[in-house]
Amino acid sequence: MLANVSFAATPEHVNHEVQSNEAHNIRVNVDARRDHVLFECSSREALFEFGRTLMQEALFGSGEIEFFPLGADGKALVVEGARLVEDSARVFVHFPKEGQHVAEPSSWL
């Protein structure tokens, strides 16, 4: 299967399946003793949206993004395109705010 994904500086993307179905979630576990981090994705859809958000940030972001568990009325909510379950660790991503990409997106194909 081949999929095309496009990115824009002002995204209008909402994945309705991930938004409406709590079955699509991620649990992040940290094993500090062994310096391991495990991302347990319940579905490919959950992983895809997490990856899509990271790519959007890499292309157009402000230099940092945070993923964290958030709940309301006993349900886990989607934050920044990902639903982290209640006992998940938080995820912080930091990257240079300025400068050029190593390669222009058109050369990635």
PDB file of N, CA and C in Angstrom:
ATOM      1  N   MET A   1       0.843  -1.185   0.000  1.00  0.00           N
ATOM      2  CA  MET A   1       0.000   0.000   0.000  1.00  0.00           C
ATOM      3  C   MET A   1       0.886   1.245   0.000  1.00  0.00           C
ATOM      4  N   LEU A   2       0.572   2.177  -0.850  1.00  0.00           N
ATOM      5  CA  LEU A   2       1.298   3.429  -0.946  1.00  0.00           C
ATOM      6  C   LEU A   2       0.351   4.558  -0.583  1.00  0.00           C
ATOM      7  N   ALA A   3       0.773   5.401   0.324  1.00  0.00           N
ATOM      8  CA  ALA A   3      -0.062   6.520   0.743  1.00  0.00           C
ATOM      9  C   ALA A   3       0.683   7.819   0.516  1.00  0.00           C
ATOM     10  N   ASN A   4      -0.040   8.832   0.095  1.00  0.00           N
ATOM     11  CA  ASN A   4       0.521  10.170  -0.055  1.00  0.00           C
ATOM     12  C   ASN A   4       0.010  11.033   1.082  1.00  0.00           C
ATOM     13  N   VAL A   5       0.920  11.736   1.708  1.00  0.00           N
ATOM     14  CA  VAL A   5       0.567  12.620   2.809  1.00  0.00           C
ATOM     15  C   VAL A   5       1.111  13.996   2.461  1.00  0.00           C
ATOM     16  N   SER A   6       0.287  15.018   2.583  1.00  0.00           N
ATOM     17  CA  SER A   6       0.754  16.369   2.307  1.00  0.00           C
ATOM     18  C   SER A   6       0.740  17.180   3.599  1.00  0.00           C
ATOM     19  N   PHE A   7       1.623  18.168   3.640  1.00  0.00           N
ATOM     20  CA  PHE A   7       1.756  19.011   4.818  1.00  0.00           C
ATOM     21  C   PHE A   7       1.680  20.460   4.375  1.00  0.00           C
ATOM     22  N   ALA A   8       1.050  21.293   5.183  1.00  0.00           N
ATOM     23  CA  ALA A   8       0.934  22.719   4.894  1.00  0.00           C
ATOM     24  C   ALA A   8       1.259  23.497   6.157  1.00  0.00           C
ATOM     25  N   ALA A   9       1.720  24.722   5.967  1.00  0.00           N
ATOM     26  CA  ALA A   9       2.094  25.554   7.110  1.00  0.00           C
ATOM     27  C   ALA A   9       0.910  25.810   8.032  1.00  0.00           C
ATOM     28  N   THR A  10      -0.286  25.846   7.497  1.00  0.00           N
ATOM     29  CA  THR A  10      -1.493  26.019   8.314  1.00  0.00           C
ATOM     30  C   THR A  10      -2.371  24.782   8.118  1.00  0.00           C
ATOM     31  N   PRO A  11      -2.104  23.726   8.895  1.00  0.00           N
ATOM     32  CA  PRO A  11      -2.822  22.471   8.679  1.00  0.00           C
ATOM     33  C   PRO A  11      -4.293  22.555   9.080  1.00  0.00           C
ATOM     34  N   GLU A  12      -5.112  21.869   8.334  1.00  0.00           N
ATOM     35  CA  GLU A  12      -6.534  21.773   8.632  1.00  0.00           C
ATOM     36  C   GLU A  12      -6.881  20.308   8.876  1.00  0.00           C
ATOM     37  N   HIS A  13      -5.902  19.537   9.348  1.00  0.00           N
ATOM     38  CA  HIS A  13      -6.052  18.097   9.445  1.00  0.00           C
ATOM     39  C   HIS A  13      -6.663  17.666  10.775  1.00  0.00           C
ATOM     40  N   VAL A  14      -7.702  16.858  10.693  1.00  0.00           N
ATOM     41  CA  VAL A  14      -8.270  16.190  11.860  1.00  0.00           C
ATOM     42  C   VAL A  14      -8.572  14.765  11.423  1.00  0.00           C
ATOM     43  N   ASN A  15      -8.062  13.800  12.157  1.00  0.00           N
ATOM     44  CA  ASN A  15      -8.369  12.404  11.868  1.00  0.00           C
ATOM     45  C   ASN A  15      -9.586  12.033  12.712  1.00  0.00           C
ATOM     46  N   HIS A  16     -10.743  11.962  12.077  1.00  0.00           N
ATOM     47  CA  HIS A  16     -11.989  11.727  12.801  1.00  0.00           C
ATOM     48  C   HIS A  16     -12.024  10.347  13.460  1.00  0.00           C
ATOM     49  N   GLU A  17     -11.376   9.360  12.845  1.00  0.00           N
ATOM     50  CA  GLU A  17     -11.335   8.026  13.437  1.00  0.00           C
ATOM     51  C   GLU A  17     -10.585   8.054  14.772  1.00  0.00           C
ATOM     52  N   VAL A  18      -9.439   8.719  14.818  1.00  0.00           N
ATOM     53  CA  VAL A  18      -8.662   8.816  16.056  1.00  0.00           C
ATOM     54  C   VAL A  18      -9.406   9.674  17.077  1.00  0.00           C
ATOM     55  N   GLN A  19      -9.999  10.749  16.624  1.00  0.00           N
ATOM     56  CA  GLN A  19     -10.728  11.633  17.540  1.00  0.00           C
ATOM     57  C   GLN A  19     -11.899  10.923  18.213  1.00  0.00           C
ATOM     58  N   SER A  20     -12.608  10.091  17.473  1.00  0.00           N
ATOM     59  CA  SER A  20     -13.839   9.522  17.992  1.00  0.00           C
ATOM     60  C   SER A  20     -13.691   8.141  18.618  1.00  0.00           C
ATOM     61  N   ASN A  21     -12.570   7.466  18.375  1.00  0.00           N
ATOM     62  CA  ASN A  21     -12.429   6.082  18.821  1.00  0.00           C
ATOM     63  C   ASN A  21     -11.249   5.942  19.776  1.00  0.00           C
ATOM     64  N   GLU A  22     -11.544   5.738  21.063  1.00  0.00           N
ATOM     65  CA  GLU A  22     -10.492   5.618  22.080  1.00  0.00           C
ATOM     66  C   GLU A  22      -9.608   4.398  21.898  1.00  0.00           C
ATOM     67  N   ALA A  23      -9.998   3.492  21.008  1.00  0.00           N
ATOM     68  CA  ALA A  23      -9.163   2.317  20.743  1.00  0.00           C
ATOM     69  C   ALA A  23      -7.827   2.709  20.129  1.00  0.00           C
ATOM     70  N   HIS A  24      -7.753   3.891  19.528  1.00  0.00           N
ATOM     71  CA  HIS A  24      -6.506   4.389  18.937  1.00  0.00           C
ATOM     72  C   HIS A  24      -5.779   5.224  19.994  1.00  0.00           C
ATOM     73  N   ASN A  25      -4.798   4.613  20.647  1.00  0.00           N
ATOM     74  CA  ASN A  25      -4.091   5.303  21.725  1.00  0.00           C
ATOM     75  C   ASN A  25      -2.640   4.855  21.792  1.00  0.00           C
ATOM     76  N   ILE A  26      -1.880   5.571  22.598  1.00  0.00           N
ATOM     77  CA  ILE A  26      -0.458   5.286  22.787  1.00  0.00           C
ATOM     78  C   ILE A  26      -0.156   5.298  24.276  1.00  0.00           C
ATOM     79  N   ARG A  27       0.655   4.350  24.695  1.00  0.00           N
ATOM     80  CA  ARG A  27       1.180   4.339  26.068  1.00  0.00           C
ATOM     81  C   ARG A  27       2.693   4.471  25.947  1.00  0.00           C
ATOM     82  N   VAL A  28       3.263   5.431  26.649  1.00  0.00           N
ATOM     83  CA  VAL A  28       4.711   5.629  26.648  1.00  0.00           C
ATOM     84  C   VAL A  28       5.237   5.188  28.002  1.00  0.00           C
ATOM     85  N   ASN A  29       6.129   4.197  27.982  1.00  0.00           N
ATOM     86  CA  ASN A  29       6.747   3.684  29.211  1.00  0.00           C
ATOM     87  C   ASN A  29       8.234   4.005  29.200  1.00  0.00           C
ATOM     88  N   VAL A  30       8.741   4.444  30.337  1.00  0.00           N
ATOM     89  CA  VAL A  30      10.159   4.775  30.481  1.00  0.00           C
ATOM     90  C   VAL A  30      10.773   3.831  31.497  1.00  0.00           C
ATOM     91  N   ASP A  31      11.866   3.199  31.096  1.00  0.00           N
ATOM     92  CA  ASP A  31      12.647   2.349  31.994  1.00  0.00           C
ATOM     93  C   ASP A  31      13.969   3.078  32.212  1.00  0.00           C
ATOM     94  N   ALA A  32      14.022   3.931  33.227  1.00  0.00           N
ATOM     95  CA  ALA A  32      15.200   4.759  33.474  1.00  0.00           C
ATOM     96  C   ALA A  32      16.419   3.920  33.843  1.00  0.00           C
ATOM     97  N   ARG A  33      16.192   2.798  34.463  1.00  0.00           N
ATOM     98  CA  ARG A  33      17.306   1.938  34.871  1.00  0.00           C
ATOM     99  C   ARG A  33      18.080   1.437  33.653  1.00  0.00           C
ATOM    100  N   ARG A  34      17.348   1.132  32.572  1.00  0.00           N
ATOM    101  CA  ARG A  34      18.001   0.606  31.369  1.00  0.00           C
ATOM    102  C   ARG A  34      18.060   1.623  30.234  1.00  0.00           C
ATOM    103  N   ASP A  35      17.626   2.854  30.494  1.00  0.00           N
ATOM    104  CA  ASP A  35      17.598   3.903  29.468  1.00  0.00           C
ATOM    105  C   ASP A  35      16.797   3.496  28.239  1.00  0.00           C
ATOM    106  N   HIS A  36      15.601   2.969  28.458  1.00  0.00           N
ATOM    107  CA  HIS A  36      14.713   2.554  27.379  1.00  0.00           C
ATOM    108  C   HIS A  36      13.425   3.360  27.434  1.00  0.00           C
ATOM    109  N   VAL A  37      12.884   3.636  26.259  1.00  0.00           N
ATOM    110  CA  VAL A  37      11.556   4.211  26.144  1.00  0.00           C
ATOM    111  C   VAL A  37      10.779   3.336  25.178  1.00  0.00           C
ATOM    112  N   LEU A  38       9.576   2.965  25.548  1.00  0.00           N
ATOM    113  CA  LEU A  38       8.729   2.125  24.709  1.00  0.00           C
ATOM    114  C   LEU A  38       7.447   2.878  24.373  1.00  0.00           C
ATOM    115  N   PHE A  39       7.165   3.011  23.087  1.00  0.00           N
ATOM    116  CA  PHE A  39       5.907   3.571  22.610  1.00  0.00           C
ATOM    117  C   PHE A  39       5.024   2.392  22.231  1.00  0.00           C
ATOM    118  N   GLU A  40       3.999   2.123  23.024  1.00  0.00           N
ATOM    119  CA  GLU A  40       3.059   1.037  22.733  1.00  0.00           C
ATOM    120  C   GLU A  40       1.845   1.641  22.036  1.00  0.00           C
ATOM    121  N   CYS A  41       1.773   1.449  20.732  1.00  0.00           N
ATOM    122  CA  CYS A  41       0.670   1.990  19.940  1.00  0.00           C
ATOM    123  C   CYS A  41      -0.388   0.912  19.770  1.00  0.00           C
ATOM    124  N   SER A  42      -1.615   1.228  20.070  1.00  0.00           N
ATOM    125  CA  SER A  42      -2.699   0.249  19.995  1.00  0.00           C
ATOM    126  C   SER A  42      -3.122  -0.039  18.562  1.00  0.00           C
ATOM    127  N   SER A  43      -2.745   0.852  17.644  1.00  0.00           N
ATOM    128  CA  SER A  43      -3.137   0.672  16.246  1.00  0.00           C
ATOM    129  C   SER A  43      -2.160   1.408  15.341  1.00  0.00           C
ATOM    130  N   ARG A  44      -2.173   1.022  14.083  1.00  0.00           N
ATOM    131  CA  ARG A  44      -1.362   1.743  13.104  1.00  0.00           C
ATOM    132  C   ARG A  44      -1.859   3.173  12.952  1.00  0.00           C
ATOM    133  N   GLU A  45      -3.155   3.366  13.095  1.00  0.00           N
ATOM    134  CA  GLU A  45      -3.746   4.701  12.988  1.00  0.00           C
ATOM    135  C   GLU A  45      -3.187   5.617  14.078  1.00  0.00           C
ATOM    136  N   ALA A  46      -3.051   5.099  15.304  1.00  0.00           N
ATOM    137  CA  ALA A  46      -2.488   5.885  16.405  1.00  0.00           C
ATOM    138  C   ALA A  46      -1.035   6.254  16.110  1.00  0.00           C
ATOM    139  N   LEU A  47      -0.261   5.295  15.620  1.00  0.00           N
ATOM    140  CA  LEU A  47       1.138   5.556  15.267  1.00  0.00           C
ATOM    141  C   LEU A  47       1.237   6.542  14.119  1.00  0.00           C
ATOM    142  N   PHE A  48       0.387   6.378  13.115  1.00  0.00           N
ATOM    143  CA  PHE A  48       0.408   7.276  11.956  1.00  0.00           C
ATOM    144  C   PHE A  48       0.166   8.720  12.377  1.00  0.00           C
ATOM    145  N   GLU A  49      -0.839   8.958  13.203  1.00  0.00           N
ATOM    146  CA  GLU A  49      -1.144  10.328  13.615  1.00  0.00           C
ATOM    147  C   GLU A  49      -0.034  10.927  14.476  1.00  0.00           C
ATOM    148  N   PHE A  50       0.577  10.118  15.318  1.00  0.00           N
ATOM    149  CA  PHE A  50       1.717  10.588  16.111  1.00  0.00           C
ATOM    150  C   PHE A  50       2.857  10.998  15.169  1.00  0.00           C
ATOM    151  N   GLY A  51       3.164  10.144  14.208  1.00  0.00           N
ATOM    152  CA  GLY A  51       4.217  10.446  13.230  1.00  0.00           C
ATOM    153  C   GLY A  51       3.882  11.646  12.370  1.00  0.00           C
ATOM    154  N   ARG A  52       2.611  11.771  11.960  1.00  0.00           N
ATOM    155  CA  ARG A  52       2.197  12.914  11.143  1.00  0.00           C
ATOM    156  C   ARG A  52       2.398  14.224  11.904  1.00  0.00           C
ATOM    157  N   THR A  53       2.061  14.211  13.189  1.00  0.00           N
ATOM    158  CA  THR A  53       2.243  15.409  14.007  1.00  0.00           C
ATOM    159  C   THR A  53       3.720  15.767  14.131  1.00  0.00           C
ATOM    160  N   LEU A  54       4.575  14.764  14.322  1.00  0.00           N
ATOM    161  CA  LEU A  54       6.015  15.033  14.402  1.00  0.00           C
ATOM    162  C   LEU A  54       6.546  15.616  13.096  1.00  0.00           C
ATOM    163  N   MET A  55       6.096  15.080  11.962  1.00  0.00           N
ATOM    164  CA  MET A  55       6.540  15.616  10.667  1.00  0.00           C
ATOM    165  C   MET A  55       6.048  17.046  10.471  1.00  0.00           C
ATOM    166  N   GLN A  56       4.817  17.325  10.834  1.00  0.00           N
ATOM    167  CA  GLN A  56       4.283  18.682  10.729  1.00  0.00           C
ATOM    168  C   GLN A  56       5.144  19.646  11.549  1.00  0.00           C
ATOM    169  N   GLU A  57       5.518  19.228  12.754  1.00  0.00           N
ATOM    170  CA  GLU A  57       6.367  20.064  13.600  1.00  0.00           C
ATOM    171  C   GLU A  57       7.759  20.233  13.011  1.00  0.00           C
ATOM    172  N   ALA A  58       8.314  19.162  12.437  1.00  0.00           N
ATOM    173  CA  ALA A  58       9.650  19.254  11.841  1.00  0.00           C
ATOM    174  C   ALA A  58       9.659  20.251  10.692  1.00  0.00           C
ATOM    175  N   LEU A  59       8.582  20.303   9.933  1.00  0.00           N
ATOM    176  CA  LEU A  59       8.520  21.203   8.784  1.00  0.00           C
ATOM    177  C   LEU A  59       8.169  22.634   9.149  1.00  0.00           C
ATOM    178  N   PHE A  60       7.224  22.825  10.071  1.00  0.00           N
ATOM    179  CA  PHE A  60       6.671  24.158  10.299  1.00  0.00           C
ATOM    180  C   PHE A  60       6.609  24.574  11.762  1.00  0.00           C
ATOM    181  N   GLY A  61       7.086  23.736  12.677  1.00  0.00           N
ATOM    182  CA  GLY A  61       6.881  23.966  14.104  1.00  0.00           C
ATOM    183  C   GLY A  61       7.711  25.070  14.712  1.00  0.00           C
ATOM    184  N   SER A  62       7.462  25.293  15.990  1.00  0.00           N
ATOM    185  CA  SER A  62       8.069  26.392  16.726  1.00  0.00           C
ATOM    186  C   SER A  62       9.343  26.001  17.471  1.00  0.00           C
ATOM    187  N   GLY A  63       9.708  24.729  17.451  1.00  0.00           N
ATOM    188  CA  GLY A  63      10.912  24.321  18.151  1.00  0.00           C
ATOM    189  C   GLY A  63      10.664  23.371  19.301  1.00  0.00           C
ATOM    190  N   GLU A  64       9.402  23.169  19.630  1.00  0.00           N
ATOM    191  CA  GLU A  64       9.095  22.212  20.695  1.00  0.00           C
ATOM    192  C   GLU A  64       7.639  21.777  20.601  1.00  0.00           C
ATOM    193  N   ILE A  65       7.409  20.569  21.065  1.00  0.00           N
ATOM    194  CA  ILE A  65       6.049  20.045  21.142  1.00  0.00           C
ATOM    195  C   ILE A  65       5.996  19.088  22.325  1.00  0.00           C
ATOM    196  N   GLU A  66       4.838  19.018  22.949  1.00  0.00           N
ATOM    197  CA  GLU A  66       4.656  18.142  24.106  1.00  0.00           C
ATOM    198  C   GLU A  66       3.418  17.274  23.892  1.00  0.00           C
ATOM    199  N   PHE A  67       3.557  16.003  24.173  1.00  0.00           N
ATOM    200  CA  PHE A  67       2.443  15.062  24.154  1.00  0.00           C
ATOM    201  C   PHE A  67       2.208  14.624  25.599  1.00  0.00           C
ATOM    202  N   PHE A  68       0.964  14.626  26.040  1.00  0.00           N
ATOM    203  CA  PHE A  68       0.688  14.257  27.427  1.00  0.00           C
ATOM    204  C   PHE A  68      -0.702  13.652  27.541  1.00  0.00           C
ATOM    205  N   PRO A  69      -0.880  12.801  28.553  1.00  0.00           N
ATOM    206  CA  PRO A  69      -2.212  12.243  28.768  1.00  0.00           C
ATOM    207  C   PRO A  69      -3.153  13.309  29.317  1.00  0.00           C
ATOM    208  N   LEU A  70      -4.358  13.324  28.780  1.00  0.00           N
ATOM    209  CA  LEU A  70      -5.364  14.274  29.237  1.00  0.00           C
ATOM    210  C   LEU A  70      -6.718  13.572  29.180  1.00  0.00           C
ATOM    211  N   GLY A  71      -7.457  13.663  30.255  1.00  0.00           N
ATOM    212  CA  GLY A  71      -8.750  13.000  30.298  1.00  0.00           C
ATOM    213  C   GLY A  71      -9.854  13.928  30.734  1.00  0.00           C
ATOM    214  N   ALA A  72     -11.059  13.579  30.330  1.00  0.00           N
ATOM    215  CA  ALA A  72     -12.255  14.302  30.753  1.00  0.00           C
ATOM    216  C   ALA A  72     -13.409  13.318  30.751  1.00  0.00           C
ATOM    217  N   ASP A  73     -14.210  13.353  31.794  1.00  0.00           N
ATOM    218  CA  ASP A  73     -15.364  12.457  31.916  1.00  0.00           C
ATOM    219  C   ASP A  73     -14.962  10.988  31.766  1.00  0.00           C
ATOM    220  N   GLY A  74     -13.785  10.641  32.293  1.00  0.00           N
ATOM    221  CA  GLY A  74     -13.320   9.261  32.264  1.00  0.00           C
ATOM    222  C   GLY A  74     -12.803   8.781  30.918  1.00  0.00           C
ATOM    223  N   LYS A  75     -12.612   9.702  29.961  1.00  0.00           N
ATOM    224  CA  LYS A  75     -12.134   9.329  28.638  1.00  0.00           C
ATOM    225  C   LYS A  75     -10.821  10.039  28.340  1.00  0.00           C
ATOM    226  N   ALA A  76      -9.904   9.315  27.698  1.00  0.00           N
ATOM    227  CA  ALA A  76      -8.643   9.914  27.269  1.00  0.00           C
ATOM    228  C   ALA A  76      -8.905  10.764  26.027  1.00  0.00           C
ATOM    229  N   LEU A  77      -8.335  11.968  26.010  1.00  0.00           N
ATOM    230  CA  LEU A  77      -8.536  12.897  24.901  1.00  0.00           C
ATOM    231  C   LEU A  77      -7.311  12.947  23.995  1.00  0.00           C
ATOM    232  N   VAL A  78      -7.520  13.402  22.772  1.00  0.00           N
ATOM    233  CA  VAL A  78      -6.437  13.566  21.807  1.00  0.00           C
ATOM    234  C   VAL A  78      -5.778  14.920  22.044  1.00  0.00           C
ATOM    235  N   VAL A  79      -4.445  14.920  22.188  1.00  0.00           N
ATOM    236  CA  VAL A  79      -3.660  16.140  22.352  1.00  0.00           C
ATOM    237  C   VAL A  79      -2.579  16.131  21.283  1.00  0.00           C
ATOM    238  N   GLU A  80      -2.509  17.165  20.470  1.00  0.00           N
ATOM    239  CA  GLU A  80      -1.509  17.257  19.396  1.00  0.00           C
ATOM    240  C   GLU A  80      -1.552  16.031  18.474  1.00  0.00           C
ATOM    241  N   GLY A  81      -2.741  15.535  18.184  1.00  0.00           N
ATOM    242  CA  GLY A  81      -2.893  14.421  17.258  1.00  0.00           C
ATOM    243  C   GLY A  81      -2.728  13.038  17.855  1.00  0.00           C
ATOM    244  N   ALA A  82      -2.381  12.943  19.143  1.00  0.00           N
ATOM    245  CA  ALA A  82      -2.156  11.631  19.765  1.00  0.00           C
ATOM    246  C   ALA A  82      -2.964  11.518  21.054  1.00  0.00           C
ATOM    247  N   ARG A  83      -3.485  10.322  21.309  1.00  0.00           N
ATOM    248  CA  ARG A  83      -4.190  10.051  22.561  1.00  0.00           C
ATOM    249  C   ARG A  83      -3.267   9.202  23.425  1.00  0.00           C
ATOM    250  N   LEU A  84      -2.704   9.796  24.479  1.00  0.00           N
ATOM    251  CA  LEU A  84      -1.895   9.044  25.425  1.00  0.00           C
ATOM    252  C   LEU A  84      -2.797   8.586  26.561  1.00  0.00           C
ATOM    253  N   VAL A  85      -2.680   7.305  26.904  1.00  0.00           N
ATOM    254  CA  VAL A  85      -3.515   6.771  27.977  1.00  0.00           C
ATOM    255  C   VAL A  85      -3.075   7.354  29.320  1.00  0.00           C
ATOM    256  N   GLU A  86      -3.945   7.208  30.315  1.00  0.00           N
ATOM    257  CA  GLU A  86      -3.761   7.870  31.608  1.00  0.00           C
ATOM    258  C   GLU A  86      -2.413   7.603  32.266  1.00  0.00           C
ATOM    259  N   ASP A  87      -1.923   6.374  32.226  1.00  0.00           N
ATOM    260  CA  ASP A  87      -0.669   6.055  32.909  1.00  0.00           C
ATOM    261  C   ASP A  87       0.562   6.209  32.013  1.00  0.00           C
ATOM    262  N   SER A  88       0.407   6.914  30.904  1.00  0.00           N
ATOM    263  CA  SER A  88       1.518   7.126  29.981  1.00  0.00           C
ATOM    264  C   SER A  88       2.458   8.226  30.481  1.00  0.00           C
ATOM    265  N   ALA A  89       3.733   8.074  30.149  1.00  0.00           N
ATOM    266  CA  ALA A  89       4.694   9.145  30.414  1.00  0.00           C
ATOM    267  C   ALA A  89       4.456  10.283  29.417  1.00  0.00           C
ATOM    268  N   ARG A  90       4.855  11.472  29.785  1.00  0.00           N
ATOM    269  CA  ARG A  90       4.781  12.615  28.875  1.00  0.00           C
ATOM    270  C   ARG A  90       5.945  12.546  27.905  1.00  0.00           C
ATOM    271  N   VAL A  91       5.770  13.140  26.739  1.00  0.00           N
ATOM    272  CA  VAL A  91       6.817  13.158  25.715  1.00  0.00           C
ATOM    273  C   VAL A  91       7.091  14.615  25.351  1.00  0.00           C
ATOM    274  N   PHE A  92       8.364  15.011  25.440  1.00  0.00           N
ATOM    275  CA  PHE A  92       8.793  16.351  25.059  1.00  0.00           C
ATOM    276  C   PHE A  92       9.752  16.225  23.883  1.00  0.00           C
ATOM    277  N   VAL A  93       9.537  17.006  22.839  1.00  0.00           N
ATOM    278  CA  VAL A  93      10.423  17.009  21.681  1.00  0.00           C
ATOM    279  C   VAL A  93      10.893  18.441  21.469  1.00  0.00           C
ATOM    280  N   HIS A  94      12.216  18.614  21.406  1.00  0.00           N
ATOM    281  CA  HIS A  94      12.810  19.927  21.163  1.00  0.00           C
ATOM    282  C   HIS A  94      13.713  19.838  19.942  1.00  0.00           C
ATOM    283  N   PHE A  95      13.729  20.904  19.123  1.00  0.00           N
ATOM    284  CA  PHE A  95      14.546  20.930  17.914  1.00  0.00           C
ATOM    285  C   PHE A  95      14.875  22.381  17.592  1.00  0.00           C
ATOM    286  N   PRO A  96      15.856  22.613  16.713  1.00  0.00           N
ATOM    287  CA  PRO A  96      16.237  23.993  16.389  1.00  0.00           C
ATOM    288  C   PRO A  96      15.052  24.783  15.843  1.00  0.00           C
ATOM    289  N   LYS A  97      14.906  26.003  16.331  1.00  0.00           N
ATOM    290  CA  LYS A  97      13.800  26.850  15.887  1.00  0.00           C
ATOM    291  C   LYS A  97      14.096  27.500  14.543  1.00  0.00           C
ATOM    292  N   GLU A  98      15.361  27.720  14.258  1.00  0.00           N
ATOM    293  CA  GLU A  98      15.735  28.417  13.031  1.00  0.00           C
ATOM    294  C   GLU A  98      16.692  27.569  12.220  1.00  0.00           C
ATOM    295  N   GLY A  99      16.903  27.972  10.973  1.00  0.00           N
ATOM    296  CA  GLY A  99      17.836  27.254  10.119  1.00  0.00           C
ATOM    297  C   GLY A  99      17.129  26.480   9.041  1.00  0.00           C
ATOM    298  N   GLN A 100      17.902  25.931   8.158  1.00  0.00           N
ATOM    299  CA  GLN A 100      17.387  25.204   7.013  1.00  0.00           C
ATOM    300  C   GLN A 100      17.313  23.715   7.299  1.00  0.00           C
ATOM    301  N   HIS A 101      16.444  23.051   6.576  1.00  0.00           N
ATOM    302  CA  HIS A 101      16.416  21.602   6.598  1.00  0.00           C
ATOM    303  C   HIS A 101      17.662  21.104   5.893  1.00  0.00           C
ATOM    304  N   VAL A 102      18.115  19.921   6.210  1.00  0.00           N
ATOM    305  CA  VAL A 102      19.270  19.336   5.539  1.00  0.00           C
ATOM    306  C   VAL A 102      18.984  19.213   4.051  1.00  0.00           C
ATOM    307  N   ALA A 103      17.793  18.827   3.702  1.00  0.00           N
ATOM    308  CA  ALA A 103      17.373  18.716   2.317  1.00  0.00           C
ATOM    309  C   ALA A 103      15.985  19.337   2.183  1.00  0.00           C
ATOM    310  N   GLU A 104      15.713  19.907   1.038  1.00  0.00           N
ATOM    311  CA  GLU A 104      14.395  20.466   0.804  1.00  0.00           C
ATOM    312  C   GLU A 104      13.389  19.327   0.638  1.00  0.00           C
ATOM    313  N   PRO A 105      12.157  19.502   1.109  1.00  0.00           N
ATOM    314  CA  PRO A 105      11.157  18.429   1.016  1.00  0.00           C
ATOM    315  C   PRO A 105      10.996  17.850  -0.380  1.00  0.00           C
ATOM    316  N   SER A 106      11.134  18.642  -1.434  1.00  0.00           N
ATOM    317  CA  SER A 106      10.955  18.127  -2.785  1.00  0.00           C
ATOM    318  C   SER A 106      12.009  17.081  -3.152  1.00  0.00           C
ATOM    319  N   SER A 107      13.160  17.105  -2.469  1.00  0.00           N
ATOM    320  CA  SER A 107      14.222  16.136  -2.773  1.00  0.00           C
ATOM    321  C   SER A 107      14.052  14.831  -1.996  1.00  0.00           C
ATOM    322  N   TRP A 108      13.049  14.765  -1.094  1.00  0.00           N
ATOM    323  CA  TRP A 108      12.864  13.565  -0.283  1.00  0.00           C
ATOM    324  C   TRP A 108      12.190  12.442  -1.060  1.00  0.00           C
ATOM    325  N   LEU A 109      11.574  12.777  -2.191  1.00  0.00           N
ATOM    326  CA  LEU A 109      10.807  11.770  -2.940  1.00  0.00           C
ATOM    327  C   LEU A 109      11.682  10.859  -3.740  1.00  0.00           C
TER     328      LEU A 109
END
